[in-house]
Amino acid sequence: MLRFSANISMLFQEYDFLERFEKVAASGFHGVEFMFPYDYDIDVLKQKLTENKLEIVLNNLPAGDWVAGERGIACIPGREEEFREGVMAAIRYAKVLGTPKINCLVGKTPQGICEEEVRRTLVNNLRFAAMALAKENILLLIEPINTYDIPGFYLTGTQKALALIAEVGSDNLKIQYDIYHMQRMEGELTQTMQTYANSIGHLQIADNPHRGEPGTGEINYEYIFNRIAESNYDGWVGCEYKPQTTTEAGLTWFERYR
């Protein structure tokens, strides 16, 4: 059975953030995810989830100065303490909200630092996060991202993510497999998802190009959804796309799954 969660960092942007929870529920979603909860009061977020009978699916670790262009700090030497503080903040929110999975955006490759030091920093940070989250029964995810949307991003493909997971050596680390990002970087979507199913902890969707809703681009989502439904994947499918008009107008694809 397919379960779709609405990513309200990208959907329902026609409304203020705290108003989006009601819109998610009214549109027929039962799960919600977003990038960062840290600018909002924990109890207010919990109330919004409870009022609208929504299950929180995941959010990200703090990712540095987003406005300034940072997209994670896990691979940046010298910011280990900031990273660990971010992990602790994520745990505080997750314990109140009931968040089962937290994604780590590893960041852009820092310039002027040798690859060995960057890699060592990233591996050590992920080991720390995986262990700390495991104690709270929260799964840590890492997400490969395409280099067109985020030039210089350190983690860019499935094989690189698998190699990183092996190097970290934790059972509490899996891939957040974003179909849009991986279509742009490598293709072979269903084959990859089937081959590495045990290493994938969460799925996200958007069409290509333009990162729109399913049915607005080249990806055959009817085929992909059928393959996911037939598989043993029991997690959520996160809708992390950019509506081509308004969110509600673009939900015609979702009607059969409500």
C-alpha atoms as a PDB file:
ATOM      1  CA  MET A   1       0.000   0.000   0.000  1.00  0.00           C
ATOM      2  CA  LEU A   2       1.308   3.425  -0.937  1.00  0.00           C
ATOM      3  CA  ARG A   3       1.412   6.072   1.765  1.00  0.00           C
ATOM      4  CA  PHE A   4       2.134   9.631   0.653  1.00  0.00           C
ATOM      5  CA  SER A   5       3.369  12.366   2.954  1.00  0.00           C
ATOM      6  CA  ALA A   6       3.238  16.047   2.047  1.00  0.00           C
ATOM      7  CA  ASN A   7       6.459  18.023   2.366  1.00  0.00           C
ATOM      8  CA  ILE A   8       5.188  21.405   3.503  1.00  0.00           C
ATOM      9  CA  SER A   9       8.493  23.125   2.939  1.00  0.00           C
ATOM     10  CA  MET A  10       7.602  22.894  -0.754  1.00  0.00           C
ATOM     11  CA  LEU A  11       3.857  22.239  -0.874  1.00  0.00           C
ATOM     12  CA  PHE A  12       1.142  24.662   0.219  1.00  0.00           C
ATOM     13  CA  GLN A  13       3.467  27.647   0.153  1.00  0.00           C
ATOM     14  CA  GLU A  14       0.387  29.730  -0.656  1.00  0.00           C
ATOM     15  CA  TYR A  15      -0.236  29.640   3.109  1.00  0.00           C
ATOM     16  CA  ASP A  16       1.753  30.486   6.216  1.00  0.00           C
ATOM     17  CA  PHE A  17       3.743  27.528   7.489  1.00  0.00           C
ATOM     18  CA  LEU A  18       1.531  26.739  10.474  1.00  0.00           C
ATOM     19  CA  GLU A  19      -1.586  26.922   8.296  1.00  0.00           C
ATOM     20  CA  ARG A  20      -0.229  24.230   5.991  1.00  0.00           C
ATOM     21  CA  PHE A  21      -0.954  21.375   8.402  1.00  0.00           C
ATOM     22  CA  GLU A  22      -4.694  21.897   8.040  1.00  0.00           C
ATOM     23  CA  LYS A  23      -4.369  22.096   4.251  1.00  0.00           C
ATOM     24  CA  VAL A  24      -2.398  18.836   4.209  1.00  0.00           C
ATOM     25  CA  ALA A  25      -5.124  17.003   6.118  1.00  0.00           C
ATOM     26  CA  ALA A  26      -7.915  18.551   4.066  1.00  0.00           C
ATOM     27  CA  SER A  27      -6.208  17.371   0.884  1.00  0.00           C
ATOM     28  CA  GLY A  28      -6.250  13.751   2.024  1.00  0.00           C
ATOM     29  CA  PHE A  29      -2.694  13.270   3.303  1.00  0.00           C
ATOM     30  CA  HIS A  30      -2.092  11.504   6.595  1.00  0.00           C
ATOM     31  CA  GLY A  31       1.648  12.135   6.815  1.00  0.00           C
ATOM     32  CA  VAL A  32       3.647  15.353   6.798  1.00  0.00           C
ATOM     33  CA  GLU A  33       7.331  16.178   6.512  1.00  0.00           C
ATOM     34  CA  PHE A  34       9.336  19.373   6.318  1.00  0.00           C
ATOM     35  CA  MET A  35      12.907  20.509   6.160  1.00  0.00           C
ATOM     36  CA  PHE A  36      13.474  22.248   9.487  1.00  0.00           C
ATOM     37  CA  PRO A  37      11.268  22.609  12.587  1.00  0.00           C
ATOM     38  CA  TYR A  38      13.748  24.623  14.638  1.00  0.00           C
ATOM     39  CA  ASP A  39      12.264  28.096  14.144  1.00  0.00           C
ATOM     40  CA  TYR A  40       8.938  26.965  15.603  1.00  0.00           C
ATOM     41  CA  ASP A  41       7.826  26.172  19.107  1.00  0.00           C
ATOM     42  CA  ILE A  42       7.814  22.416  19.690  1.00  0.00           C
ATOM     43  CA  ASP A  43       4.482  22.435  21.479  1.00  0.00           C
ATOM     44  CA  VAL A  44       2.819  24.459  18.716  1.00  0.00           C
ATOM     45  CA  LEU A  45       4.024  21.978  16.107  1.00  0.00           C
ATOM     46  CA  LYS A  46       2.799  19.082  18.235  1.00  0.00           C
ATOM     47  CA  GLN A  47      -0.597  20.749  18.552  1.00  0.00           C
ATOM     48  CA  LYS A  48      -0.840  21.183  14.765  1.00  0.00           C
ATOM     49  CA  LEU A  49      -0.059  17.506  14.228  1.00  0.00           C
ATOM     50  CA  THR A  50      -2.605  16.409  16.823  1.00  0.00           C
ATOM     51  CA  GLU A  51      -5.377  18.747  15.671  1.00  0.00           C
ATOM     52  CA  ASN A  52      -5.100  17.553  12.099  1.00  0.00           C
ATOM     53  CA  LYS A  53      -4.481  13.881  12.912  1.00  0.00           C
ATOM     54  CA  LEU A  54      -1.193  13.912  11.017  1.00  0.00           C
ATOM     55  CA  GLU A  55       1.818  11.689  11.476  1.00  0.00           C
ATOM     56  CA  ILE A  56       5.193  13.373  11.179  1.00  0.00           C
ATOM     57  CA  VAL A  57       7.416  11.403   8.836  1.00  0.00           C
ATOM     58  CA  LEU A  58      10.774  13.171   8.972  1.00  0.00           C
ATOM     59  CA  ASN A  59      12.716  16.416   8.985  1.00  0.00           C
ATOM     60  CA  ASN A  60      16.364  17.384   8.482  1.00  0.00           C
ATOM     61  CA  LEU A  61      19.174  18.028  10.897  1.00  0.00           C
ATOM     62  CA  PRO A  62      20.124  21.714  11.150  1.00  0.00           C
ATOM     63  CA  ALA A  63      22.043  22.511   7.963  1.00  0.00           C
ATOM     64  CA  GLY A  64      24.032  25.647   8.708  1.00  0.00           C
ATOM     65  CA  ASP A  65      23.215  29.069   7.291  1.00  0.00           C
ATOM     66  CA  TRP A  66      20.600  28.181   4.673  1.00  0.00           C
ATOM     67  CA  VAL A  67      20.002  31.759   3.564  1.00  0.00           C
ATOM     68  CA  ALA A  68      23.715  32.166   2.904  1.00  0.00           C
ATOM     69  CA  GLY A  69      23.716  29.063   0.711  1.00  0.00           C
ATOM     70  CA  GLU A  70      24.912  26.389   3.091  1.00  0.00           C
ATOM     71  CA  ARG A  71      23.311  22.991   2.541  1.00  0.00           C
ATOM     72  CA  GLY A  72      24.603  21.054   5.529  1.00  0.00           C
ATOM     73  CA  ILE A  73      27.763  21.107   7.612  1.00  0.00           C
ATOM     74  CA  ALA A  74      28.505  17.425   8.248  1.00  0.00           C
ATOM     75  CA  CYS A  75      31.460  17.356   5.837  1.00  0.00           C
ATOM     76  CA  ILE A  76      33.017  20.653   6.950  1.00  0.00           C
ATOM     77  CA  PRO A  77      36.043  20.342   9.255  1.00  0.00           C
ATOM     78  CA  GLY A  78      36.040  22.709  12.197  1.00  0.00           C
ATOM     79  CA  ARG A  79      32.270  22.686  12.704  1.00  0.00           C
ATOM     80  CA  GLU A  80      31.947  19.381  14.509  1.00  0.00           C
ATOM     81  CA  GLU A  81      30.660  20.956  17.715  1.00  0.00           C
ATOM     82  CA  GLU A  82      27.985  22.841  15.807  1.00  0.00           C
ATOM     83  CA  PHE A  83      26.998  19.603  14.105  1.00  0.00           C
ATOM     84  CA  ARG A  84      26.683  17.768  17.412  1.00  0.00           C
ATOM     85  CA  GLU A  85      24.598  20.557  18.882  1.00  0.00           C
ATOM     86  CA  GLY A  86      22.340  20.241  15.848  1.00  0.00           C
ATOM     87  CA  VAL A  87      21.926  16.524  16.462  1.00  0.00           C
ATOM     88  CA  MET A  88      20.905  17.193  20.047  1.00  0.00           C
ATOM     89  CA  ALA A  89      18.403  19.852  18.909  1.00  0.00           C
ATOM     90  CA  ALA A  90      16.922  17.420  16.392  1.00  0.00           C
ATOM     91  CA  ILE A  91      16.521  14.795  19.101  1.00  0.00           C
ATOM     92  CA  ARG A  92      14.740  17.261  21.400  1.00  0.00           C
ATOM     93  CA  TYR A  93      12.204  18.042  18.694  1.00  0.00           C
ATOM     94  CA  ALA A  94      11.858  14.428  17.583  1.00  0.00           C
ATOM     95  CA  LYS A  95      11.060  13.165  21.072  1.00  0.00           C
ATOM     96  CA  VAL A  96       8.148  15.581  21.392  1.00  0.00           C
ATOM     97  CA  LEU A  97       6.858  15.337  17.829  1.00  0.00           C
ATOM     98  CA  GLY A  98       7.402  11.597  17.432  1.00  0.00           C
ATOM     99  CA  THR A  99       9.705  11.955  14.425  1.00  0.00           C
ATOM    100  CA  PRO A 100      10.925   8.480  13.388  1.00  0.00           C
ATOM    101  CA  LYS A 101      13.545   9.493  10.814  1.00  0.00           C
ATOM    102  CA  ILE A 102      15.932  12.429  10.460  1.00  0.00           C
ATOM    103  CA  ASN A 103      17.807  13.287   7.292  1.00  0.00           C
ATOM    104  CA  CYS A 104      21.328  14.677   7.235  1.00  0.00           C
ATOM    105  CA  LEU A 105      22.194  16.981   4.351  1.00  0.00           C
ATOM    106  CA  VAL A 106      25.936  16.396   4.306  1.00  0.00           C
ATOM    107  CA  GLY A 107      26.834  19.738   2.714  1.00  0.00           C
ATOM    108  CA  LYS A 108      28.872  21.152  -0.106  1.00  0.00           C
ATOM    109  CA  THR A 109      32.492  20.062  -0.443  1.00  0.00           C
ATOM    110  CA  PRO A 110      34.577  22.728   1.331  1.00  0.00           C
ATOM    111  CA  GLN A 111      37.280  24.359  -0.763  1.00  0.00           C
ATOM    112  CA  GLY A 112      40.938  24.310   0.208  1.00  0.00           C
ATOM    113  CA  ILE A 113      40.691  21.245   2.455  1.00  0.00           C
ATOM    114  CA  CYS A 114      42.098  17.864   1.470  1.00  0.00           C
ATOM    115  CA  GLU A 115      39.634  15.116   0.597  1.00  0.00           C
ATOM    116  CA  GLU A 116      40.924  12.851   3.366  1.00  0.00           C
ATOM    117  CA  GLU A 117      40.087  15.398   6.051  1.00  0.00           C
ATOM    118  CA  VAL A 118      36.675  16.140   4.561  1.00  0.00           C
ATOM    119  CA  ARG A 119      35.866  12.439   4.425  1.00  0.00           C
ATOM    120  CA  ARG A 120      37.100  11.761   7.928  1.00  0.00           C
ATOM    121  CA  THR A 121      35.030  14.635   9.284  1.00  0.00           C
ATOM    122  CA  LEU A 122      31.905  13.408   7.533  1.00  0.00           C
ATOM    123  CA  VAL A 123      32.313   9.796   8.619  1.00  0.00           C
ATOM    124  CA  ASN A 124      32.947  10.765  12.242  1.00  0.00           C
ATOM    125  CA  ASN A 125      29.970  13.113  12.294  1.00  0.00           C
ATOM    126  CA  LEU A 126      27.670  10.482  10.833  1.00  0.00           C
ATOM    127  CA  ARG A 127      28.888   7.907  13.342  1.00  0.00           C
ATOM    128  CA  PHE A 128      28.086  10.296  16.156  1.00  0.00           C
ATOM    129  CA  ALA A 129      24.639  11.115  14.765  1.00  0.00           C
ATOM    130  CA  ALA A 130      23.749   7.501  13.998  1.00  0.00           C
ATOM    131  CA  MET A 131      24.674   6.403  17.506  1.00  0.00           C
ATOM    132  CA  ALA A 132      22.901   9.290  19.233  1.00  0.00           C
ATOM    133  CA  LEU A 133      19.723   8.787  17.191  1.00  0.00           C
ATOM    134  CA  ALA A 134      19.795   5.025  17.659  1.00  0.00           C
ATOM    135  CA  LYS A 135      19.519   5.530  21.412  1.00  0.00           C
ATOM    136  CA  GLU A 136      16.203   7.277  20.774  1.00  0.00           C
ATOM    137  CA  ASN A 137      15.034   4.750  18.152  1.00  0.00           C
ATOM    138  CA  ILE A 138      15.312   7.350  15.368  1.00  0.00           C
ATOM    139  CA  LEU A 139      16.712   6.363  11.973  1.00  0.00           C
ATOM    140  CA  LEU A 140      19.397   8.560  10.405  1.00  0.00           C
ATOM    141  CA  LEU A 141      19.227   9.147   6.650  1.00  0.00           C
ATOM    142  CA  ILE A 142      21.628  10.616   4.107  1.00  0.00           C
ATOM    143  CA  GLU A 143      20.434  12.017   0.796  1.00  0.00           C
ATOM    144  CA  PRO A 144      22.312  12.062  -2.516  1.00  0.00           C
ATOM    145  CA  ILE A 145      21.470  15.298  -4.358  1.00  0.00           C
ATOM    146  CA  ASN A 146      22.003  16.340  -7.959  1.00  0.00           C
ATOM    147  CA  THR A 147      24.744  18.793  -8.812  1.00  0.00           C
ATOM    148  CA  TYR A 148      22.517  20.871 -11.093  1.00  0.00           C
ATOM    149  CA  ASP A 149      20.362  22.128  -8.231  1.00  0.00           C
ATOM    150  CA  ILE A 150      23.177  22.252  -5.681  1.00  0.00           C
ATOM    151  CA  PRO A 151      26.580  22.579  -7.395  1.00  0.00           C
ATOM    152  CA  GLY A 152      29.382  21.218  -5.260  1.00  0.00           C
ATOM    153  CA  PHE A 153      27.206  19.016  -3.062  1.00  0.00           C
ATOM    154  CA  TYR A 154      29.384  16.276  -1.600  1.00  0.00           C
ATOM    155  CA  LEU A 155      27.048  13.286  -1.915  1.00  0.00           C
ATOM    156  CA  THR A 156      25.717  12.849  -5.436  1.00  0.00           C
ATOM    157  CA  GLY A 157      24.766   9.237  -6.162  1.00  0.00           C
ATOM    158  CA  THR A 158      23.491   5.948  -4.833  1.00  0.00           C
ATOM    159  CA  GLN A 159      26.805   4.129  -5.004  1.00  0.00           C
ATOM    160  CA  LYS A 160      28.539   6.952  -3.152  1.00  0.00           C
ATOM    161  CA  ALA A 161      25.872   6.810  -0.466  1.00  0.00           C
ATOM    162  CA  LEU A 162      26.248   3.054  -0.116  1.00  0.00           C
ATOM    163  CA  ALA A 163      30.018   3.389   0.188  1.00  0.00           C
ATOM    164  CA  LEU A 164      29.602   6.050   2.858  1.00  0.00           C
ATOM    165  CA  ILE A 165      27.171   3.890   4.814  1.00  0.00           C
ATOM    166  CA  ALA A 166      29.631   1.003   4.691  1.00  0.00           C
ATOM    167  CA  GLU A 167      32.433   3.252   5.928  1.00  0.00           C
ATOM    168  CA  VAL A 168      30.365   4.619   8.797  1.00  0.00           C
ATOM    169  CA  GLY A 169      29.522   1.055   9.764  1.00  0.00           C
ATOM    170  CA  SER A 170      26.210   1.693  11.517  1.00  0.00           C
ATOM    171  CA  ASP A 171      22.970  -0.248  11.173  1.00  0.00           C
ATOM    172  CA  ASN A 172      21.165   3.000  11.955  1.00  0.00           C
ATOM    173  CA  LEU A 173      22.002   4.758   8.682  1.00  0.00           C
ATOM    174  CA  LYS A 174      20.100   4.468   5.396  1.00  0.00           C
ATOM    175  CA  ILE A 175      19.503   6.391   2.183  1.00  0.00           C
ATOM    176  CA  GLN A 176      16.828   8.966   1.594  1.00  0.00           C
ATOM    177  CA  TYR A 177      16.257   8.145  -2.061  1.00  0.00           C
ATOM    178  CA  ASP A 178      14.873  11.148  -3.898  1.00  0.00           C
ATOM    179  CA  ILE A 179      13.666   9.970  -7.296  1.00  0.00           C
ATOM    180  CA  TYR A 180      13.973  13.416  -8.856  1.00  0.00           C
ATOM    181  CA  HIS A 181      17.586  13.889  -7.784  1.00  0.00           C
ATOM    182  CA  MET A 182      18.591  10.416  -8.874  1.00  0.00           C
ATOM    183  CA  GLN A 183      16.851  10.681 -12.238  1.00  0.00           C
ATOM    184  CA  ARG A 184      19.032  13.708 -12.928  1.00  0.00           C
ATOM    185  CA  MET A 185      22.236  12.031 -11.739  1.00  0.00           C
ATOM    186  CA  GLU A 186      21.977   8.379 -12.769  1.00  0.00           C
ATOM    187  CA  GLY A 187      18.561   7.105 -13.932  1.00  0.00           C
ATOM    188  CA  GLU A 188      17.876   3.367 -13.489  1.00  0.00           C
ATOM    189  CA  LEU A 189      15.301   4.295 -10.880  1.00  0.00           C
ATOM    190  CA  THR A 190      13.269   1.149 -10.279  1.00  0.00           C
ATOM    191  CA  GLN A 191      16.258  -1.156 -10.740  1.00  0.00           C
ATOM    192  CA  THR A 192      18.195   0.838  -8.152  1.00  0.00           C
ATOM    193  CA  MET A 193      15.305   0.900  -5.681  1.00  0.00           C
ATOM    194  CA  GLN A 194      14.794  -2.842  -6.038  1.00  0.00           C
ATOM    195  CA  THR A 195      18.477  -3.760  -5.828  1.00  0.00           C
ATOM    196  CA  TYR A 196      19.212  -1.628  -2.773  1.00  0.00           C
ATOM    197  CA  ALA A 197      15.821  -1.776  -1.069  1.00  0.00           C
ATOM    198  CA  ASN A 198      17.321  -2.798   2.261  1.00  0.00           C
ATOM    199  CA  SER A 199      19.484   0.335   2.285  1.00  0.00           C
ATOM    200  CA  ILE A 200      16.677   2.785   1.495  1.00  0.00           C
ATOM    201  CA  GLY A 201      14.902   4.306   4.476  1.00  0.00           C
ATOM    202  CA  HIS A 202      12.690   6.882   2.777  1.00  0.00           C
ATOM    203  CA  LEU A 203      11.497   7.797  -0.719  1.00  0.00           C
ATOM    204  CA  GLN A 204      10.771  11.231  -2.134  1.00  0.00           C
ATOM    205  CA  ILE A 205       9.236  12.216  -5.447  1.00  0.00           C
ATOM    206  CA  ALA A 206       9.143  15.033  -7.996  1.00  0.00           C
ATOM    207  CA  ASP A 207       9.075  14.958 -11.771  1.00  0.00           C
ATOM    208  CA  ASN A 208      11.868  16.027 -14.110  1.00  0.00           C
ATOM    209  CA  PRO A 209      12.497  18.628 -15.404  1.00  0.00           C
ATOM    210  CA  HIS A 210      11.302  21.570 -13.288  1.00  0.00           C
ATOM    211  CA  ARG A 211      10.798  19.388 -10.192  1.00  0.00           C
ATOM    212  CA  GLY A 212       7.025  19.513 -10.617  1.00  0.00           C
ATOM    213  CA  GLU A 213       4.297  17.161  -9.465  1.00  0.00           C
ATOM    214  CA  PRO A 214       4.039  13.627 -10.927  1.00  0.00           C
ATOM    215  CA  GLY A 215       2.780  13.751 -14.485  1.00  0.00           C
ATOM    216  CA  THR A 216       4.397  17.049 -15.419  1.00  0.00           C
ATOM    217  CA  GLY A 217       7.633  15.603 -16.777  1.00  0.00           C
ATOM    218  CA  GLU A 218       9.479  12.616 -18.153  1.00  0.00           C
ATOM    219  CA  ILE A 219       9.272  10.169 -15.241  1.00  0.00           C
ATOM    220  CA  ASN A 220       6.674   7.404 -15.582  1.00  0.00           C
ATOM    221  CA  TYR A 221       5.268   7.654 -12.086  1.00  0.00           C
ATOM    222  CA  GLU A 222       2.390   5.272 -12.682  1.00  0.00           C
ATOM    223  CA  TYR A 223       4.942   2.557 -13.382  1.00  0.00           C
ATOM    224  CA  ILE A 224       7.118   3.573 -10.432  1.00  0.00           C
ATOM    225  CA  PHE A 225       4.201   3.696  -7.995  1.00  0.00           C
ATOM    226  CA  ASN A 226       3.107   0.236  -9.093  1.00  0.00           C
ATOM    227  CA  ARG A 227       6.594  -1.134  -8.500  1.00  0.00           C
ATOM    228  CA  ILE A 228       6.756   0.479  -5.064  1.00  0.00           C
ATOM    229  CA  ALA A 229       3.315  -0.896  -4.160  1.00  0.00           C
ATOM    230  CA  GLU A 230       4.398  -4.396  -5.210  1.00  0.00           C
ATOM    231  CA  SER A 231       7.627  -4.213  -3.206  1.00  0.00           C
ATOM    232  CA  ASN A 232       8.260  -4.776   0.490  1.00  0.00           C
ATOM    233  CA  TYR A 233       8.765  -1.055   1.079  1.00  0.00           C
ATOM    234  CA  ASP A 234       6.513  -0.079   3.985  1.00  0.00           C
ATOM    235  CA  GLY A 235       7.619   3.523   4.470  1.00  0.00           C
ATOM    236  CA  TRP A 236       6.169   6.799   3.286  1.00  0.00           C
ATOM    237  CA  VAL A 237       6.622   8.380  -0.131  1.00  0.00           C
ATOM    238  CA  GLY A 238       7.395  12.039   0.449  1.00  0.00           C
ATOM    239  CA  CYS A 239       5.949  14.575  -1.988  1.00  0.00           C
ATOM    240  CA  GLU A 240       8.790  17.060  -2.235  1.00  0.00           C
ATOM    241  CA  TYR A 241       8.000  18.856  -5.462  1.00  0.00           C
ATOM    242  CA  LYS A 242       7.340  22.385  -6.714  1.00  0.00           C
ATOM    243  CA  PRO A 243       3.686  22.736  -7.761  1.00  0.00           C
ATOM    244  CA  GLN A 244       3.450  24.155 -11.259  1.00  0.00           C
ATOM    245  CA  THR A 245       0.503  26.384 -10.250  1.00  0.00           C
ATOM    246  CA  THR A 246      -1.117  26.057  -6.824  1.00  0.00           C
ATOM    247  CA  THR A 247      -0.691  23.005  -4.642  1.00  0.00           C
ATOM    248  CA  GLU A 248      -4.382  22.074  -4.655  1.00  0.00           C
ATOM    249  CA  ALA A 249      -4.684  22.499  -8.424  1.00  0.00           C
ATOM    250  CA  GLY A 250      -1.753  20.176  -8.927  1.00  0.00           C
ATOM    251  CA  LEU A 251      -3.129  17.340  -6.800  1.00  0.00           C
ATOM    252  CA  THR A 252      -5.135  15.680  -9.566  1.00  0.00           C
ATOM    253  CA  TRP A 253      -2.447  12.968  -9.723  1.00  0.00           C
ATOM    254  CA  PHE A 254      -3.144  12.174  -6.050  1.00  0.00           C
ATOM    255  CA  GLU A 255      -6.890  11.589  -6.359  1.00  0.00           C
ATOM    256  CA  ARG A 256      -6.594   7.841  -6.925  1.00  0.00           C
ATOM    257  CA  TYR A 257      -4.416   7.474  -3.833  1.00  0.00           C
ATOM    258  CA  ARG A 258      -6.423   9.538  -1.309  1.00  0.00           C
END
